[in-house]
Protein backbone atom coordinates (compact mmCIF):
# COMPACT_ATOMS: atom_id res chain seq x y z
CA MET A 1 -19.95 -0.16 6.50
CA GLU A 2 -16.42 -0.15 6.38
CA LYS A 3 -14.85 2.10 3.50
CA ARG A 4 -13.48 0.34 0.18
CA TYR A 5 -11.89 3.32 -1.07
CA LEU A 6 -9.55 5.33 1.23
CA LYS A 7 -7.73 8.98 0.53
CA LEU A 8 -4.08 9.20 0.60
CA THR A 9 -4.52 10.54 4.06
CA GLU A 10 -6.61 7.43 5.29
CA VAL A 11 -3.97 4.94 3.53
CA ALA A 12 -0.99 6.84 5.41
CA GLY A 13 -2.70 6.46 8.71
CA TYR A 14 -3.25 2.64 8.06
CA THR A 15 -0.12 2.02 6.79
CA GLY A 16 2.15 4.21 8.71
CA LEU A 17 4.03 5.19 5.50
CA SER A 18 4.33 8.88 4.91
CA GLU A 19 1.92 11.00 2.20
CA ASN A 20 4.83 11.33 0.26
CA THR A 21 6.01 7.93 0.14
CA LEU A 22 2.94 7.00 -1.11
CA TYR A 23 2.84 9.72 -4.09
CA ARG A 24 5.72 8.68 -5.05
CA TRP A 25 5.18 4.97 -4.84
CA SER A 26 1.51 5.48 -6.48
CA ARG A 27 3.55 7.27 -9.55
CA GLU A 28 6.31 4.59 -9.57
CA GLY A 29 3.75 2.04 -9.62
CA LYS A 30 4.87 0.25 -6.51
CA ILE A 31 1.70 0.77 -4.61
CA PRO A 32 -1.88 -0.15 -6.20
CA VAL A 33 -3.87 2.89 -6.79
CA CYS A 34 -6.89 4.18 -8.63
CA LYS A 35 -6.96 7.71 -10.20
CA ILE A 36 -10.28 9.31 -10.68
CA SER A 37 -10.00 12.30 -12.16
CA ASN A 38 -7.05 14.07 -10.31
CA LEU A 39 -7.73 12.32 -7.10
CA LEU A 40 -5.86 9.19 -5.43
CA ARG A 41 -8.39 6.32 -4.45
CA PHE A 42 -6.84 3.10 -2.47
CA ASP A 43 -8.93 -0.09 -2.69
CA LYS A 44 -8.14 -1.32 0.76
CA VAL A 45 -8.62 -4.87 -0.52
CA LYS A 46 -5.88 -4.23 -2.59
CA ILE A 47 -3.72 -2.58 0.15
CA ASP A 48 -4.05 -5.35 2.23
CA GLU A 49 -2.93 -8.10 0.00
CA TRP A 50 -0.13 -5.55 -1.00
CA MET A 51 0.47 -5.39 2.44
CA ASN A 52 0.47 -9.27 2.92
CA ASN A 53 2.68 -9.59 -0.30
CA PHE A 54 5.14 -7.34 1.42
CA GLU A 55 5.13 -9.24 4.76
CA ARG A 56 5.71 -12.74 2.94
CA GLU A 57 8.26 -11.46 0.94
CA ASN A 58 9.83 -9.92 3.85
CA ILE A 59 9.75 -13.42 5.94
CA ASN A 60 11.07 -15.11 3.10
CA ALA A 61 14.16 -13.05 3.01
CA ASP A 62 14.54 -13.56 6.35
CA LEU A 63 14.29 -17.15 6.30
CA LEU A 64 17.19 -17.41 3.37
CA GLN A 65 19.16 -15.20 5.67
CA ASN A 66 19.00 -17.51 8.74
CA ASN A 67 19.81 -20.91 6.60
């Protein structure tokens, strides 16, 4: 069974983002995160949705620039 909640280091490897960026974005509310006690945990389902939305926004921006 695949893990649903990931640690910061796991999300960094999964997304290709640095741990520092993930810390900063989690503080700024730019990426979905759960804080359990003092630990950051990332819901893989929400991270996948977030990445898909981010990808769609970039595709839409590219389409606008090409018109």
